[in-house]
Amino acid sequence: MATKVVMIGPPHCGKSTLSNYLADATDSTSGEYLPTVGVRILEFSCNMPNSDPVDIELWDCGGNPQYESCWPAIARGAAALILVANADVPVTESQFLEMLYLRFAAQHGLKESQCAVFLNKIGDVNEDGKVPSMLNKVPKREGFNGRR
């Protein structure tokens, strides 16, 4: 059985680029921004040290609030949550990230150790990127640029 990992964040923050990177998938777009409609599921195996490979089901969720009615079904059964935001996070995006954490992690019993925040680099990075204080204990990864 595959391990379900949900990736979500505000629109246009690089979730699909990061998903493609993690799944070692190729992007067939011309480089222009194409928002994810609903959810896109990528399946791949991840080699773990001192263990058998783990099958991953990565749910790349569209961050547009118009899909909010689908979020409970998407979150159900997730073993991990990856929140993604632009590294230059404005206050409104920070509040949106906090709401996503509550809806996807807190309401579905995920612990902080099952969550990660990726502050994705899109363009020039402002050192003032903010993450909601309630997410201070969630591990953060900064500076992903889509290159290996």
C-alpha atoms as a PDB file:
ATOM      1  CA  MET A   1       0.000   0.000   0.000  1.00  0.00           C
ATOM      2  CA  ALA A   2       1.334   3.441  -0.938  1.00  0.00           C
ATOM      3  CA  THR A   3       1.991   6.182   1.594  1.00  0.00           C
ATOM      4  CA  LYS A   4      -0.251   9.176   0.870  1.00  0.00           C
ATOM      5  CA  VAL A   5       1.447  12.576   1.038  1.00  0.00           C
ATOM      6  CA  VAL A   6      -0.589  15.741   0.433  1.00  0.00           C
ATOM      7  CA  MET A   7       1.078  18.880  -0.915  1.00  0.00           C
ATOM      8  CA  ILE A   8      -0.869  22.138  -0.758  1.00  0.00           C
ATOM      9  CA  GLY A   9      -0.307  25.865  -0.577  1.00  0.00           C
ATOM     10  CA  PRO A  10      -1.515  29.104  -2.113  1.00  0.00           C
ATOM     11  CA  PRO A  11      -1.871  29.340  -5.894  1.00  0.00           C
ATOM     12  CA  HIS A  12       1.267  29.993  -7.943  1.00  0.00           C
ATOM     13  CA  CYS A  13       3.843  29.032  -5.283  1.00  0.00           C
ATOM     14  CA  GLY A  14       5.505  26.117  -7.092  1.00  0.00           C
ATOM     15  CA  LYS A  15       3.675  23.053  -5.738  1.00  0.00           C
ATOM     16  CA  SER A  16       3.594  21.261  -9.095  1.00  0.00           C
ATOM     17  CA  THR A  17       7.250  22.066  -9.803  1.00  0.00           C
ATOM     18  CA  LEU A  18       8.215  20.671  -6.399  1.00  0.00           C
ATOM     19  CA  SER A  19       5.940  17.625  -6.922  1.00  0.00           C
ATOM     20  CA  ASN A  20       7.565  16.918 -10.286  1.00  0.00           C
ATOM     21  CA  TYR A  21      11.002  17.234  -8.690  1.00  0.00           C
ATOM     22  CA  LEU A  22      10.180  14.826  -5.839  1.00  0.00           C
ATOM     23  CA  ALA A  23       8.560  12.290  -8.186  1.00  0.00           C
ATOM     24  CA  ASP A  24      11.355  12.691 -10.753  1.00  0.00           C
ATOM     25  CA  ALA A  25       8.632  13.500 -13.270  1.00  0.00           C
ATOM     26  CA  THR A  26       9.071  15.708 -16.293  1.00  0.00           C
ATOM     27  CA  ASP A  27       7.092  18.877 -16.833  1.00  0.00           C
ATOM     28  CA  SER A  28       5.486  18.902 -20.269  1.00  0.00           C
ATOM     29  CA  THR A  29       4.492  22.577 -20.136  1.00  0.00           C
ATOM     30  CA  SER A  30       6.189  25.356 -22.022  1.00  0.00           C
ATOM     31  CA  GLY A  31       7.189  27.085 -18.803  1.00  0.00           C
ATOM     32  CA  GLU A  32       4.058  29.176 -18.526  1.00  0.00           C
ATOM     33  CA  TYR A  33       1.997  29.016 -15.362  1.00  0.00           C
ATOM     34  CA  LEU A  34      -0.823  26.466 -15.532  1.00  0.00           C
ATOM     35  CA  PRO A  35      -2.743  26.100 -12.256  1.00  0.00           C
ATOM     36  CA  THR A  36      -3.526  22.591 -11.040  1.00  0.00           C
ATOM     37  CA  VAL A  37      -7.230  21.861 -11.381  1.00  0.00           C
ATOM     38  CA  GLY A  38      -8.403  20.074  -8.230  1.00  0.00           C
ATOM     39  CA  VAL A  39      -5.690  17.500  -7.554  1.00  0.00           C
ATOM     40  CA  ARG A  40      -3.002  15.646  -9.490  1.00  0.00           C
ATOM     41  CA  ILE A  41      -1.670  12.353  -8.118  1.00  0.00           C
ATOM     42  CA  LEU A  42       1.922  11.248  -8.779  1.00  0.00           C
ATOM     43  CA  GLU A  43       3.091   7.767  -7.831  1.00  0.00           C
ATOM     44  CA  PHE A  44       6.732   6.861  -7.280  1.00  0.00           C
ATOM     45  CA  SER A  45       9.047   4.809  -5.066  1.00  0.00           C
ATOM     46  CA  CYS A  46      11.446   6.365  -2.608  1.00  0.00           C
ATOM     47  CA  ASN A  47      14.574   4.523  -1.501  1.00  0.00           C
ATOM     48  CA  MET A  48      15.038   4.739   2.248  1.00  0.00           C
ATOM     49  CA  PRO A  49      18.311   4.075   4.062  1.00  0.00           C
ATOM     50  CA  ASN A  50      18.375   0.668   5.779  1.00  0.00           C
ATOM     51  CA  SER A  51      14.865  -0.147   4.563  1.00  0.00           C
ATOM     52  CA  ASP A  52      12.888  -1.367   1.597  1.00  0.00           C
ATOM     53  CA  PRO A  53      11.720   1.226  -0.930  1.00  0.00           C
ATOM     54  CA  VAL A  54       8.534   3.057   0.059  1.00  0.00           C
ATOM     55  CA  ASP A  55       5.761   3.587  -2.487  1.00  0.00           C
ATOM     56  CA  ILE A  56       4.550   7.201  -2.384  1.00  0.00           C
ATOM     57  CA  GLU A  57       1.283   8.621  -3.628  1.00  0.00           C
ATOM     58  CA  LEU A  58       1.865  12.391  -3.824  1.00  0.00           C
ATOM     59  CA  TRP A  59      -1.329  14.433  -4.034  1.00  0.00           C
ATOM     60  CA  ASP A  60      -0.456  17.770  -5.685  1.00  0.00           C
ATOM     61  CA  CYS A  61      -3.470  19.897  -4.724  1.00  0.00           C
ATOM     62  CA  GLY A  62      -4.595  23.031  -6.472  1.00  0.00           C
ATOM     63  CA  GLY A  63      -4.400  25.837  -3.919  1.00  0.00           C
ATOM     64  CA  ASN A  64      -7.332  27.832  -5.212  1.00  0.00           C
ATOM     65  CA  PRO A  65     -10.004  28.178  -2.493  1.00  0.00           C
ATOM     66  CA  GLN A  66     -12.621  27.176  -5.079  1.00  0.00           C
ATOM     67  CA  TYR A  67     -11.561  23.557  -4.361  1.00  0.00           C
ATOM     68  CA  GLU A  68     -12.130  23.908  -0.605  1.00  0.00           C
ATOM     69  CA  SER A  69     -15.172  21.611  -0.693  1.00  0.00           C
ATOM     70  CA  CYS A  70     -12.866  18.794  -1.910  1.00  0.00           C
ATOM     71  CA  TRP A  71     -10.204  19.285   0.768  1.00  0.00           C
ATOM     72  CA  PRO A  72     -11.678  16.941   3.419  1.00  0.00           C
ATOM     73  CA  ALA A  73     -11.703  14.054   0.914  1.00  0.00           C
ATOM     74  CA  ILE A  74      -8.171  14.899  -0.237  1.00  0.00           C
ATOM     75  CA  ALA A  75      -6.852  15.068   3.350  1.00  0.00           C
ATOM     76  CA  ARG A  76      -8.464  11.789   4.431  1.00  0.00           C
ATOM     77  CA  GLY A  77      -5.899   9.039   4.912  1.00  0.00           C
ATOM     78  CA  ALA A  78      -2.835  11.251   4.465  1.00  0.00           C
ATOM     79  CA  ALA A  79       0.311  10.124   6.263  1.00  0.00           C
ATOM     80  CA  ALA A  80       2.099  13.432   5.718  1.00  0.00           C
ATOM     81  CA  LEU A  81       1.476  17.035   4.707  1.00  0.00           C
ATOM     82  CA  ILE A  82       3.765  19.381   2.781  1.00  0.00           C
ATOM     83  CA  LEU A  83       2.760  23.048   2.900  1.00  0.00           C
ATOM     84  CA  VAL A  84       4.352  25.151   0.169  1.00  0.00           C
ATOM     85  CA  ALA A  85       4.535  28.946  -0.017  1.00  0.00           C
ATOM     86  CA  ASN A  86       6.537  31.565  -1.815  1.00  0.00           C
ATOM     87  CA  ALA A  87       9.596  32.439   0.303  1.00  0.00           C
ATOM     88  CA  ASP A  88       8.536  36.089   0.133  1.00  0.00           C
ATOM     89  CA  VAL A  89       5.331  35.342   2.057  1.00  0.00           C
ATOM     90  CA  PRO A  90       2.938  38.267   2.452  1.00  0.00           C
ATOM     91  CA  VAL A  91       0.745  38.330   5.569  1.00  0.00           C
ATOM     92  CA  THR A  92      -2.349  37.179   3.659  1.00  0.00           C
ATOM     93  CA  GLU A  93      -0.485  34.130   2.316  1.00  0.00           C
ATOM     94  CA  SER A  94       0.793  33.387   5.826  1.00  0.00           C
ATOM     95  CA  GLN A  95      -2.791  33.385   7.123  1.00  0.00           C
ATOM     96  CA  PHE A  96      -3.853  31.125   4.239  1.00  0.00           C
ATOM     97  CA  LEU A  97      -1.013  28.712   5.112  1.00  0.00           C
ATOM     98  CA  GLU A  98      -2.193  28.629   8.729  1.00  0.00           C
ATOM     99  CA  MET A  99      -5.749  27.839   7.611  1.00  0.00           C
ATOM    100  CA  LEU A 100      -4.446  25.023   5.369  1.00  0.00           C
ATOM    101  CA  TYR A 101      -2.476  23.558   8.289  1.00  0.00           C
ATOM    102  CA  LEU A 102      -5.607  23.563  10.460  1.00  0.00           C
ATOM    103  CA  ARG A 103      -7.773  22.034   7.713  1.00  0.00           C
ATOM    104  CA  PHE A 104      -5.320  19.381   6.527  1.00  0.00           C
ATOM    105  CA  ALA A 105      -3.250  18.497   9.599  1.00  0.00           C
ATOM    106  CA  ALA A 106      -5.043  19.460  12.806  1.00  0.00           C
ATOM    107  CA  GLN A 107      -8.494  18.275  11.702  1.00  0.00           C
ATOM    108  CA  HIS A 108      -7.109  14.942  10.476  1.00  0.00           C
ATOM    109  CA  GLY A 109      -4.809  14.109  13.388  1.00  0.00           C
ATOM    110  CA  LEU A 110      -1.450  14.682  11.701  1.00  0.00           C
ATOM    111  CA  LYS A 111       1.353  15.500  14.141  1.00  0.00           C
ATOM    112  CA  GLU A 112       3.891  18.264  13.563  1.00  0.00           C
ATOM    113  CA  SER A 113       6.468  15.561  12.791  1.00  0.00           C
ATOM    114  CA  GLN A 114       4.283  14.471   9.851  1.00  0.00           C
ATOM    115  CA  CYS A 115       4.278  17.975   8.333  1.00  0.00           C
ATOM    116  CA  ALA A 116       6.818  20.141   6.554  1.00  0.00           C
ATOM    117  CA  VAL A 117       6.789  23.697   5.235  1.00  0.00           C
ATOM    118  CA  PHE A 118       8.671  24.469   2.017  1.00  0.00           C
ATOM    119  CA  LEU A 119       9.365  28.141   1.391  1.00  0.00           C
ATOM    120  CA  ASN A 120       9.876  28.000  -2.340  1.00  0.00           C
ATOM    121  CA  LYS A 121      12.077  30.463  -4.185  1.00  0.00           C
ATOM    122  CA  ILE A 122      10.192  32.238  -6.954  1.00  0.00           C
ATOM    123  CA  GLY A 123      12.211  35.103  -8.353  1.00  0.00           C
ATOM    124  CA  ASP A 124      14.197  37.204  -5.879  1.00  0.00           C
ATOM    125  CA  VAL A 125      13.820  36.104  -2.261  1.00  0.00           C
ATOM    126  CA  ASN A 126      13.012  38.640   0.432  1.00  0.00           C
ATOM    127  CA  GLU A 127      14.593  37.696   3.765  1.00  0.00           C
ATOM    128  CA  ASP A 128      11.388  38.780   5.559  1.00  0.00           C
ATOM    129  CA  GLY A 129       9.384  35.647   4.599  1.00  0.00           C
ATOM    130  CA  LYS A 130       6.914  34.913   7.416  1.00  0.00           C
ATOM    131  CA  VAL A 131       5.370  31.645   8.542  1.00  0.00           C
ATOM    132  CA  PRO A 132       2.486  31.623  11.023  1.00  0.00           C
ATOM    133  CA  SER A 133       3.749  31.283  14.604  1.00  0.00           C
ATOM    134  CA  MET A 134       1.610  28.173  15.143  1.00  0.00           C
ATOM    135  CA  LEU A 135       3.800  26.444  12.522  1.00  0.00           C
ATOM    136  CA  ASN A 136       7.099  27.282  14.259  1.00  0.00           C
ATOM    137  CA  LYS A 137       7.601  23.637  15.314  1.00  0.00           C
ATOM    138  CA  VAL A 138       6.954  22.274  11.799  1.00  0.00           C
ATOM    139  CA  PRO A 139      10.226  21.620   9.907  1.00  0.00           C
ATOM    140  CA  LYS A 140      10.924  24.170   7.169  1.00  0.00           C
ATOM    141  CA  ARG A 141      12.922  23.815   3.971  1.00  0.00           C
ATOM    142  CA  GLU A 142      14.070  26.961   2.179  1.00  0.00           C
ATOM    143  CA  GLY A 143      15.556  27.785  -1.182  1.00  0.00           C
ATOM    144  CA  PHE A 144      14.225  25.038  -3.464  1.00  0.00           C
ATOM    145  CA  ASN A 145      14.702  26.195  -7.037  1.00  0.00           C
ATOM    146  CA  GLY A 146      13.661  23.122  -9.018  1.00  0.00           C
ATOM    147  CA  ARG A 147      17.225  22.151  -9.965  1.00  0.00           C
ATOM    148  CA  ARG A 148      18.998  18.952  -9.021  1.00  0.00           C
END
